[in-house]
Amino acid sequence: MFRLWGKIWKDNHMLRDTVICDETDDTRTHKVFHALEQICYEFDLGNPIWLDSTIAEFQRRSKARFRQDNFIEQIDFDFLEIQVIEED
């Protein structure tokens, strides 16, 4: 099972969170992209852009923060954080 935790933060407070589970036989990369799409849909956000710094952070720690630079539209929070919490 693969689980990705998505959280919206503003002023050091978590405003919303959700966990997306994926039990498919897809690759880890596809699971991450699919889960991020589901998180953005649930939070009514446009999909963020993966900048080089975001990719490097995710590869190092299985965790990434998407700030205003990652979004095309204006956001009313500090960042969207995703974190892998379980993978087989």
Protein backbone atom coordinates (compact mmCIF):
# COMPACT_ATOMS: atom_id res chain seq x y z
CA MET A 1 0.00 0.00 0.00
CA PHE A 2 1.15 3.52 -0.82
CA ARG A 3 -0.13 6.47 1.22
CA LEU A 4 0.55 10.17 0.64
CA TRP A 5 -0.37 12.80 3.23
CA GLY A 6 -1.31 16.26 1.95
CA LYS A 7 -1.44 19.26 4.29
CA ILE A 8 -2.19 22.96 3.84
CA TRP A 9 -0.29 25.28 6.19
CA LYS A 10 -0.73 28.95 7.04
CA ASP A 11 1.05 30.84 9.83
CA ASN A 12 2.48 27.57 11.24
CA HIS A 13 -1.01 26.07 11.59
CA MET A 14 -2.31 23.13 9.61
CA LEU A 15 -5.59 24.21 8.04
CA ARG A 16 -6.53 21.02 6.17
CA ASP A 17 -5.15 17.59 5.58
CA THR A 18 -6.00 14.39 3.77
CA VAL A 19 -4.43 11.00 3.14
CA ILE A 20 -4.58 9.38 -0.30
CA CYS A 21 -4.17 5.59 -0.51
CA ASP A 22 -3.07 3.83 -3.69
CA GLU A 23 -2.98 0.05 -4.00
CA THR A 24 -2.27 -0.14 -7.74
CA ASP A 25 0.81 -1.77 -9.26
CA ASP A 26 1.86 1.54 -10.82
CA THR A 27 5.33 3.04 -10.38
CA ARG A 28 6.11 5.18 -7.33
CA THR A 29 6.33 8.30 -9.51
CA HIS A 30 2.90 7.69 -11.03
CA LYS A 31 1.44 7.03 -7.57
CA VAL A 32 2.85 10.34 -6.28
CA PHE A 33 1.51 12.33 -9.26
CA HIS A 34 -1.91 10.65 -9.06
CA ALA A 35 -2.16 11.21 -5.30
CA LEU A 36 -1.12 14.87 -5.68
CA GLU A 37 -3.86 15.34 -8.30
CA GLN A 38 -6.40 13.84 -5.90
CA ILE A 39 -5.21 16.08 -3.05
CA CYS A 40 -5.48 19.19 -5.24
CA TYR A 41 -8.95 18.14 -6.41
CA GLU A 42 -10.10 17.63 -2.80
CA PHE A 43 -8.65 21.01 -1.73
CA ASP A 44 -9.99 22.74 -4.89
CA LEU A 45 -6.50 23.76 -6.07
CA GLY A 46 -4.81 23.80 -9.42
CA ASN A 47 -2.00 21.27 -9.79
CA PRO A 48 1.33 22.75 -8.68
CA ILE A 49 4.43 22.86 -10.84
CA TRP A 50 7.37 20.66 -9.81
CA LEU A 51 10.36 23.01 -9.69
CA ASP A 52 13.90 21.58 -9.57
CA SER A 53 14.17 22.47 -5.87
CA THR A 54 10.86 20.71 -5.13
CA ILE A 55 12.01 17.56 -6.94
CA ALA A 56 15.33 17.53 -5.08
CA GLU A 57 13.59 17.98 -1.72
CA PHE A 58 11.15 15.15 -2.47
CA GLN A 59 13.95 12.80 -3.60
CA ARG A 60 15.92 13.47 -0.41
CA ARG A 61 13.15 13.27 2.19
CA SER A 62 10.00 11.86 0.52
CA LYS A 63 8.44 15.18 1.49
CA ALA A 64 7.92 18.38 -0.50
CA ARG A 65 6.45 21.84 0.00
CA PHE A 66 4.67 23.68 -2.79
CA ARG A 67 4.73 27.45 -2.23
CA GLN A 68 3.29 30.32 -4.28
CA ASP A 69 6.08 29.90 -6.87
CA ASN A 70 4.75 26.41 -7.64
CA PHE A 71 1.21 27.58 -8.38
CA ILE A 72 -0.07 29.59 -11.33
CA GLU A 73 -3.05 31.01 -9.44
CA GLN A 74 -2.86 33.00 -6.21
CA ILE A 75 -3.05 30.86 -3.05
CA ASP A 76 -4.35 31.97 0.35
CA PHE A 77 -2.03 29.77 2.43
CA ASP A 78 1.73 29.52 2.96
CA PHE A 79 2.35 26.11 1.39
CA LEU A 80 0.95 22.72 0.46
CA GLU A 81 3.06 19.93 1.90
CA ILE A 82 3.02 16.33 0.71
CA GLN A 83 4.69 13.46 2.54
CA VAL A 84 4.92 9.75 1.78
CA ILE A 85 3.83 7.99 4.98
CA GLU A 86 3.70 4.40 3.77
CA GLU A 87 4.98 2.46 0.80
CA ASP A 88 5.56 -1.22 0.18
